[in-house]
Amino acid sequence: MPFSQWMHHVLYAPGLGYYAAGSVKLAEVTMALQPRESQSDAQGSTSTSTSTSTSNNRGAISGDFVTAPQLTPLFGHTLARQVLEVLQQAASADILEFGAGSGALAHSVLSALDSQGFTPNYFILEVSADLKLRQQQLLAPWGKRVVWLDHTPAQFTGCILANEVLDAMPVELFAWAEHNDQVLQRGVVSEGEGFQYQDRVAPTTLEQAVRARMPYLPGYRSEINLQAEAWVRDLATWLTKGAALLIDYGFPRHEFFHPQRQRGTLMCHIQHRAHDDVFLAPGLQDITAHVDFTAIAETAFAAGLEVLGYTSQARFLLNSGLRDLLNKLDQTDAKTLAQTHGAVQKLLSEAEMGELFKVMALSRGLDQTLSGFSRGDRSSQL
């Protein structure tokens, strides 16, 4: 079968796939998210304030990987500033998050907005029953203000969040033939008790997509995320007014298909180790691919959306006021301050997440520049 189908099964097959089975996927020790204090908001539901410290219990790390919202609540608190801008421009109080993971991002965003006297409605679309349960437990203090959806809405006005969502969508693998410019589709066949790759002539849709994006390079192999592009086209059918903030690791096309990246970007994550053997532990490890942000932008334009900005995660967070939030921390609490600065360094460092991760805003009906892209916007590089 095509690799995209195989990847879908090992990630999402009911009861067996990585995101559908009941295993712990995300590290749980990186920050204290338990409510310290509750108070009723104007709508009668409960809001919580959250510690901004990271955990010092490093010996209790579980899961396979850590996401930015888990490193420190400051990630979500900073993102909340941009979310508020979008909501104000769209005249909406609705947020929709795709793939909310442990619920850490929702917790941080809601906490930050509540502290500013803004009480949004928060919708979550989650395919993993296991992660949905964890989200419901963590976000219970917000009561009916947090709603889980089974499908995308018919219409939506507000702000959409997708943090590390596109990279988890099944991708098509292709390879250029060694001795001619034929495009091959990489598929998967069973081999004893395991699996192996098998190539065949690519179907027309995949062949045309490959030829439109890169020149012939003998033996070169990589990925195309047709599902992510379909997701953007679908988004354009129901986003009435507002913006989608996409946060993921990836490159513009000229970097994505660089001649030196001749084995593609496919990666696996298990127990905080990264490798490229997709057949090592099917269903027990995460499989991801980097995002071709040029393809996302082209698809958005063709579907009638606007790219309001594209920049590195580091630049986006600094533009959105991360440094200001850091300065507001208790400067006398040396231990918490050191832990938080360590987490922020990972978010900003070029050697960590700061440069590899990008932020893109796709919008409809907004006509003002978002502060997250006020400096260092790279849209022209797409």
Protein backbone atom coordinates (compact mmCIF):
# COMPACT_ATOMS: atom_id res chain seq x y z
CA MET A 1 0.00 0.00 0.00
CA PRO A 2 1.15 3.63 -0.43
CA PHE A 3 3.21 4.86 2.49
CA SER A 4 0.55 7.48 3.29
CA GLN A 5 -2.01 4.71 3.96
CA TRP A 6 0.46 2.71 6.04
CA MET A 7 1.39 5.81 8.06
CA HIS A 8 -2.30 6.54 8.65
CA HIS A 9 -2.85 3.03 10.03
CA VAL A 10 0.16 2.97 12.36
CA LEU A 11 -0.75 6.40 13.75
CA TYR A 12 -4.55 6.36 13.82
CA ALA A 13 -5.94 2.79 13.55
CA PRO A 14 -8.54 2.42 16.36
CA GLY A 15 -7.00 0.71 19.39
CA LEU A 16 -3.70 0.04 17.63
CA GLY A 17 -2.37 3.28 16.13
CA TYR A 18 0.06 5.48 18.00
CA TYR A 19 -2.47 8.27 18.57
CA ALA A 20 -5.45 5.94 19.00
CA ALA A 21 -4.05 3.52 21.60
CA GLY A 22 -3.83 4.27 25.31
CA SER A 23 -0.11 4.90 25.62
CA VAL A 24 1.52 8.02 27.06
CA LYS A 25 2.77 10.08 24.15
CA LEU A 26 3.72 13.40 25.68
CA ALA A 27 6.15 14.12 28.48
CA GLU A 28 4.34 15.03 31.69
CA VAL A 29 6.98 16.51 33.96
CA THR A 30 7.91 19.78 32.36
CA MET A 31 5.59 22.18 34.11
CA ALA A 32 3.23 22.51 37.01
CA LEU A 33 -0.21 22.92 35.48
CA GLN A 34 -2.34 22.14 38.52
CA PRO A 35 -4.63 25.05 39.45
CA ARG A 36 -3.32 27.13 42.34
CA GLU A 37 -6.42 29.20 42.78
CA SER A 38 -9.94 29.32 41.37
CA GLN A 39 -12.38 32.11 41.00
CA SER A 40 -15.70 32.52 39.23
CA ASP A 41 -15.73 34.57 36.07
CA ALA A 42 -18.54 36.78 34.86
CA GLN A 43 -20.20 33.84 33.10
CA GLY A 44 -20.30 31.69 36.21
CA SER A 45 -17.65 29.19 35.08
CA THR A 46 -14.30 28.68 36.75
CA SER A 47 -10.94 30.07 35.72
CA THR A 48 -7.54 29.16 37.09
CA SER A 49 -4.16 30.78 37.50
CA THR A 50 -1.14 28.69 36.73
CA SER A 51 2.39 28.41 37.99
CA THR A 52 4.95 29.46 35.38
CA SER A 53 7.63 27.23 36.82
CA THR A 54 8.94 24.13 35.16
CA SER A 55 9.20 20.89 37.07
CA ASN A 56 12.46 19.91 38.71
CA ASN A 57 11.49 16.25 38.79
CA ARG A 58 13.62 15.32 35.82
CA GLY A 59 13.78 11.68 36.85
CA ALA A 60 10.06 11.26 36.17
CA ILE A 61 10.05 12.09 32.45
CA SER A 62 7.56 9.94 30.55
CA GLY A 63 6.24 9.88 27.01
CA ASP A 64 8.07 10.10 23.71
CA PHE A 65 8.54 13.82 23.07
CA VAL A 66 8.02 17.26 24.54
CA THR A 67 6.11 20.06 22.83
CA ALA A 68 6.63 23.79 23.32
CA PRO A 69 3.51 24.29 25.51
CA GLN A 70 4.87 21.68 27.92
CA LEU A 71 8.25 23.34 28.29
CA THR A 72 6.75 26.40 29.96
CA PRO A 73 3.32 28.06 30.21
CA LEU A 74 5.00 31.22 28.90
CA PHE A 75 4.70 29.75 25.39
CA GLY A 76 0.91 29.71 25.65
CA HIS A 77 0.81 33.00 27.56
CA THR A 78 2.76 34.68 24.74
CA LEU A 79 0.66 33.04 22.04
CA ALA A 80 -2.46 34.26 23.87
CA ARG A 81 -1.46 37.84 23.08
CA GLN A 82 -1.57 37.07 19.37
CA VAL A 83 -4.80 35.12 19.77
CA LEU A 84 -6.40 38.13 21.45
CA GLU A 85 -5.39 40.37 18.53
CA VAL A 86 -7.05 37.99 16.09
CA LEU A 87 -10.21 37.75 18.18
CA GLN A 88 -10.46 41.52 18.49
CA GLN A 89 -10.04 42.03 14.75
CA ALA A 90 -12.57 39.29 14.01
CA ALA A 91 -15.00 40.57 16.70
CA SER A 92 -15.19 37.05 18.10
CA ALA A 93 -14.63 35.20 21.39
CA ASP A 94 -14.15 31.75 19.83
CA ILE A 95 -10.91 29.72 19.69
CA LEU A 96 -10.61 26.36 17.94
CA GLU A 97 -7.57 24.16 18.54
CA PHE A 98 -6.72 21.15 16.41
CA GLY A 99 -4.87 18.28 18.10
CA ALA A 100 -4.65 19.74 21.60
CA GLY A 101 -2.20 17.11 22.89
CA SER A 102 -2.03 17.06 26.67
CA GLY A 103 -4.18 20.21 26.87
CA ALA A 104 -1.22 22.29 28.05
CA LEU A 105 -1.59 24.93 25.34
CA ALA A 106 -5.30 25.37 25.97
CA HIS A 107 -4.64 25.65 29.71
CA SER A 108 -2.00 28.35 29.23
CA VAL A 109 -3.98 30.34 26.66
CA LEU A 110 -7.17 30.29 28.73
CA SER A 111 -5.28 31.22 31.89
CA ALA A 112 -3.60 34.18 30.18
CA LEU A 113 -6.78 35.50 28.56
CA ASP A 114 -8.82 35.09 31.74
CA SER A 115 -6.21 37.08 33.66
CA GLN A 116 -6.81 39.93 31.21
CA GLY A 117 -10.57 39.82 31.75
CA PHE A 118 -11.27 38.16 28.38
CA THR A 119 -13.28 34.94 28.66
CA PRO A 120 -13.29 33.12 25.30
CA ASN A 121 -15.02 29.93 24.27
CA TYR A 122 -12.51 27.18 23.52
CA PHE A 123 -13.27 24.39 21.05
CA ILE A 124 -11.04 21.35 20.54
CA LEU A 125 -11.01 18.85 17.71
CA GLU A 126 -9.03 15.80 18.88
CA VAL A 127 -8.74 12.42 17.12
CA SER A 128 -7.15 10.59 20.07
CA ALA A 129 -9.59 9.33 22.70
CA ASP A 130 -6.68 8.89 25.14
CA LEU A 131 -5.49 12.49 24.73
CA LYS A 132 -9.07 13.79 24.82
CA LEU A 133 -9.53 12.24 28.26
CA ARG A 134 -6.34 13.88 29.53
CA GLN A 135 -7.48 17.21 28.10
CA GLN A 136 -10.87 16.91 29.80
CA GLN A 137 -9.23 16.25 33.15
CA LEU A 138 -6.81 19.18 32.86
CA LEU A 139 -9.35 21.66 31.49
CA ALA A 140 -12.23 20.71 33.79
CA PRO A 141 -11.96 24.03 35.75
CA TRP A 142 -13.26 25.90 32.67
CA GLY A 143 -16.44 23.86 32.60
CA LYS A 144 -18.73 24.41 29.63
CA ARG A 145 -16.44 27.05 28.12
CA VAL A 146 -14.34 24.19 26.68
CA VAL A 147 -16.16 22.04 24.11
CA TRP A 148 -14.86 19.03 22.18
CA LEU A 149 -16.02 18.72 18.58
CA ASP A 150 -16.37 15.59 16.44
CA HIS A 151 -15.91 17.42 13.14
CA THR A 152 -15.05 20.83 11.76
CA PRO A 153 -17.78 23.47 12.02
CA ALA A 154 -19.86 24.54 9.04
CA GLN A 155 -18.76 28.14 9.69
CA PHE A 156 -16.29 29.67 12.11
CA THR A 157 -15.27 33.18 13.08
CA GLY A 158 -12.33 33.54 15.44
CA CYS A 159 -8.83 32.15 15.97
CA ILE A 160 -7.66 28.66 15.01
CA LEU A 161 -4.60 27.05 16.62
CA ALA A 162 -2.65 24.15 15.12
CA ASN A 163 0.55 23.45 17.06
CA GLU A 164 2.49 20.49 15.59
CA VAL A 165 -0.56 19.28 13.67
CA LEU A 166 0.54 19.33 10.02
CA ASP A 167 3.70 17.30 10.73
CA ALA A 168 1.60 14.39 12.04
CA MET A 169 -0.49 14.06 8.88
CA PRO A 170 0.30 11.03 6.68
CA VAL A 171 2.60 11.93 3.79
CA GLU A 172 3.25 10.51 0.34
CA LEU A 173 6.80 9.27 -0.17
CA PHE A 174 8.41 9.56 -3.59
CA ALA A 175 11.76 8.85 -5.18
CA TRP A 176 13.37 9.92 -8.44
CA ALA A 177 14.64 6.91 -10.40
CA GLU A 178 18.40 6.50 -10.56
CA HIS A 179 18.79 6.33 -14.35
CA ASN A 180 15.89 8.38 -15.75
CA ASP A 181 13.55 11.14 -14.63
CA GLN A 182 10.73 8.80 -13.68
CA VAL A 183 8.89 9.59 -10.43
CA LEU A 184 8.35 6.59 -8.18
CA GLN A 185 5.85 6.23 -5.37
CA ARG A 186 7.26 4.54 -2.27
CA GLY A 187 4.95 1.98 -0.73
CA VAL A 188 5.08 -0.59 2.05
CA VAL A 189 4.87 -4.38 1.82
CA SER A 190 4.99 -7.02 4.52
CA GLU A 191 8.29 -8.84 4.99
CA GLY A 192 8.10 -11.80 7.38
CA GLU A 193 6.89 -10.29 10.64
CA GLY A 194 7.85 -6.76 9.59
CA PHE A 195 7.66 -4.33 6.71
CA GLN A 196 9.85 -2.91 3.96
CA TYR A 197 9.69 -0.30 1.22
CA GLN A 198 8.70 -1.12 -2.35
CA ASP A 199 8.64 1.39 -5.21
CA ARG A 200 6.30 1.61 -8.18
CA VAL A 201 5.52 4.18 -10.88
CA ALA A 202 3.86 7.16 -9.21
CA PRO A 203 0.21 7.90 -9.96
CA THR A 204 -0.39 11.00 -12.07
CA THR A 205 -1.41 13.27 -9.19
CA LEU A 206 1.76 12.55 -7.21
CA GLU A 207 4.00 12.73 -10.29
CA GLN A 208 2.64 16.14 -11.27
CA ALA A 209 3.06 17.44 -7.72
CA VAL A 210 6.69 16.31 -7.59
CA ARG A 211 7.63 17.73 -11.00
CA ALA A 212 6.04 21.07 -10.12
CA ARG A 213 8.15 21.42 -6.96
CA MET A 214 11.65 20.26 -7.76
CA PRO A 215 13.98 19.28 -10.63
CA TYR A 216 15.10 15.74 -11.36
CA LEU A 217 17.80 14.55 -8.96
CA PRO A 218 18.84 10.90 -9.47
CA GLY A 219 17.98 8.75 -6.43
CA TYR A 220 16.56 11.68 -4.46
CA ARG A 221 13.67 10.81 -2.15
CA SER A 222 11.41 12.93 -0.03
CA GLU A 223 7.79 13.55 0.97
CA ILE A 224 4.76 15.53 -0.13
CA ASN A 225 2.01 16.22 2.39
CA LEU A 226 -1.09 16.20 0.19
CA GLN A 227 -3.29 15.71 3.26
CA ALA A 228 -2.03 18.94 4.85
CA GLU A 229 -2.85 20.78 1.64
CA ALA A 230 -6.34 19.24 1.64
CA TRP A 231 -6.70 20.40 5.27
CA VAL A 232 -5.93 23.98 4.22
CA ARG A 233 -8.45 23.81 1.36
CA ASP A 234 -11.08 22.53 3.76
CA LEU A 235 -10.21 25.29 6.24
CA ALA A 236 -10.96 27.84 3.55
CA THR A 237 -14.51 26.49 3.15
CA TRP A 238 -15.53 27.15 6.77
CA LEU A 239 -13.32 30.00 8.06
CA THR A 240 -15.64 32.98 7.69
CA LYS A 241 -13.45 35.58 9.40
CA GLY A 242 -10.32 35.32 11.51
CA ALA A 243 -6.97 33.57 11.31
CA ALA A 244 -5.34 30.19 11.72
CA LEU A 245 -1.96 30.18 13.50
CA LEU A 246 0.08 27.21 12.29
CA ILE A 247 3.15 26.31 14.38
CA ASP A 248 5.34 23.50 13.13
CA TYR A 249 8.83 22.51 12.09
CA GLY A 250 9.57 22.93 8.44
CA PHE A 251 11.08 24.99 5.64
CA PRO A 252 10.21 27.01 2.55
CA ARG A 253 10.34 24.86 -0.57
CA HIS A 254 13.86 25.79 -1.70
CA GLU A 255 15.16 24.48 1.64
CA PHE A 256 12.75 21.56 1.93
CA PHE A 257 13.87 20.06 -1.39
CA HIS A 258 17.51 21.12 -1.09
CA PRO A 259 19.81 18.73 -3.00
CA GLN A 260 21.66 17.87 0.23
CA ARG A 261 18.40 16.76 1.90
CA GLN A 262 18.35 13.70 -0.36
CA ARG A 263 16.71 11.33 2.14
CA GLY A 264 13.77 13.55 3.02
CA THR A 265 12.66 14.66 6.48
CA LEU A 266 10.77 11.64 7.85
CA MET A 267 11.50 11.15 11.56
CA CYS A 268 10.33 8.91 14.41
CA HIS A 269 10.14 9.69 18.13
CA ILE A 270 10.08 7.13 20.93
CA GLN A 271 11.05 7.57 24.57
CA HIS A 272 12.68 10.95 23.81
CA ARG A 273 14.86 9.49 21.07
CA ALA A 274 14.68 10.56 17.43
CA HIS A 275 15.59 8.28 14.50
CA ASP A 276 14.49 7.59 10.91
CA ASP A 277 13.54 3.86 11.01
CA VAL A 278 9.78 3.96 10.48
CA PHE A 279 9.53 0.18 10.68
CA LEU A 280 11.19 -0.15 14.08
CA ALA A 281 8.06 -0.12 16.26
CA PRO A 282 4.87 0.41 14.21
CA GLY A 283 2.09 1.78 16.40
CA LEU A 284 4.44 2.40 19.31
CA GLN A 285 6.37 5.39 17.98
CA ASP A 286 5.43 8.73 16.52
CA ILE A 287 6.18 9.33 12.83
CA THR A 288 6.40 12.88 11.48
CA ALA A 289 7.63 14.84 8.47
CA HIS A 290 8.65 18.47 8.21
CA VAL A 291 6.28 20.94 6.58
CA ASP A 292 6.77 22.47 3.14
CA PHE A 293 5.44 25.92 4.06
CA THR A 294 5.55 27.09 0.44
CA ALA A 295 3.02 24.38 -0.42
CA ILE A 296 0.81 25.50 2.47
CA ALA A 297 0.97 29.13 1.33
CA GLU A 298 0.24 28.26 -2.31
CA THR A 299 -2.71 26.12 -1.30
CA ALA A 300 -4.06 28.87 0.95
CA PHE A 301 -3.83 31.51 -1.79
CA ALA A 302 -5.54 29.23 -4.30
CA ALA A 303 -8.35 28.59 -1.80
CA GLY A 304 -8.97 32.29 -1.18
CA LEU A 305 -7.08 32.73 2.09
CA GLU A 306 -4.36 35.28 2.80
CA VAL A 307 -0.95 34.62 4.32
CA LEU A 308 -0.70 37.34 6.97
CA GLY A 309 2.77 36.32 8.07
CA TYR A 310 5.47 33.65 8.19
CA THR A 311 8.48 33.72 10.48
CA SER A 312 10.57 31.68 12.89
CA GLN A 313 9.15 30.66 16.25
CA ALA A 314 11.83 32.72 18.02
CA ARG A 315 10.99 35.89 16.13
CA PHE A 316 7.25 35.34 16.55
CA LEU A 317 7.52 34.88 20.33
CA LEU A 318 9.78 37.90 20.76
CA ASN A 319 7.48 40.04 18.60
CA SER A 320 4.51 38.86 20.66
CA GLY A 321 6.02 39.96 23.98
CA LEU A 322 7.78 36.94 25.47
CA ARG A 323 10.58 39.12 26.87
CA ASP A 324 8.00 41.35 28.58
CA LEU A 325 6.37 38.33 30.24
CA LEU A 326 9.76 37.09 31.41
CA ASN A 327 10.47 40.43 33.04
CA LYS A 328 7.21 40.22 34.98
CA LEU A 329 8.23 37.01 36.75
CA ASP A 330 9.23 37.09 40.41
CA GLN A 331 12.90 38.02 40.13
CA THR A 332 13.57 36.90 43.73
CA ASP A 333 12.63 33.27 43.06
CA ALA A 334 16.00 32.18 41.71
CA LYS A 335 15.14 28.51 41.21
CA THR A 336 11.93 29.11 39.28
CA LEU A 337 13.55 31.88 37.30
CA ALA A 338 16.45 29.64 36.25
CA GLN A 339 14.10 26.83 35.21
CA THR A 340 11.90 29.17 33.22
CA HIS A 341 14.87 30.82 31.48
CA GLY A 342 16.14 27.35 30.55
CA ALA A 343 12.81 26.46 28.95
CA VAL A 344 12.61 29.80 27.13
CA GLN A 345 16.12 29.27 25.80
CA LYS A 346 14.92 26.06 24.14
CA LEU A 347 12.02 27.94 22.57
CA LEU A 348 14.26 30.68 21.16
CA SER A 349 17.63 29.06 20.45
CA GLU A 350 18.55 28.45 16.81
CA ALA A 351 20.11 25.19 17.93
CA GLU A 352 16.86 24.05 19.57
CA MET A 353 13.31 25.08 18.52
CA GLY A 354 13.75 28.77 17.71
CA GLU A 355 14.72 28.44 14.06
CA LEU A 356 13.49 24.97 13.08
CA PHE A 357 9.92 25.79 14.13
CA LYS A 358 8.01 28.32 12.05
CA VAL A 359 4.76 30.19 12.56
CA MET A 360 2.37 30.98 9.71
CA ALA A 361 -0.90 32.92 9.86
CA LEU A 362 -3.61 32.13 7.30
CA SER A 363 -6.53 34.53 7.40
CA ARG A 364 -9.75 35.79 5.93
CA GLY A 365 -11.29 39.21 6.54
CA LEU A 366 -8.43 40.65 8.61
CA ASP A 367 -6.68 43.73 7.27
CA GLN A 368 -4.19 44.62 10.01
CA THR A 369 -0.67 43.32 10.52
CA LEU A 370 -0.41 40.89 13.44
CA SER A 371 2.21 41.81 16.02
CA GLY A 372 3.82 38.37 15.86
CA PHE A 373 5.01 39.16 12.34
CA SER A 374 5.76 42.87 12.80
CA ARG A 375 9.49 42.24 12.40
CA GLY A 376 11.33 39.47 10.59
CA ASP A 377 8.42 38.39 8.39
CA ARG A 378 9.73 35.86 5.83
CA SER A 379 6.65 35.60 3.60
CA SER A 380 8.71 36.86 0.66
CA GLN A 381 11.00 33.82 1.01
CA LEU A 382 8.20 31.36 0.39
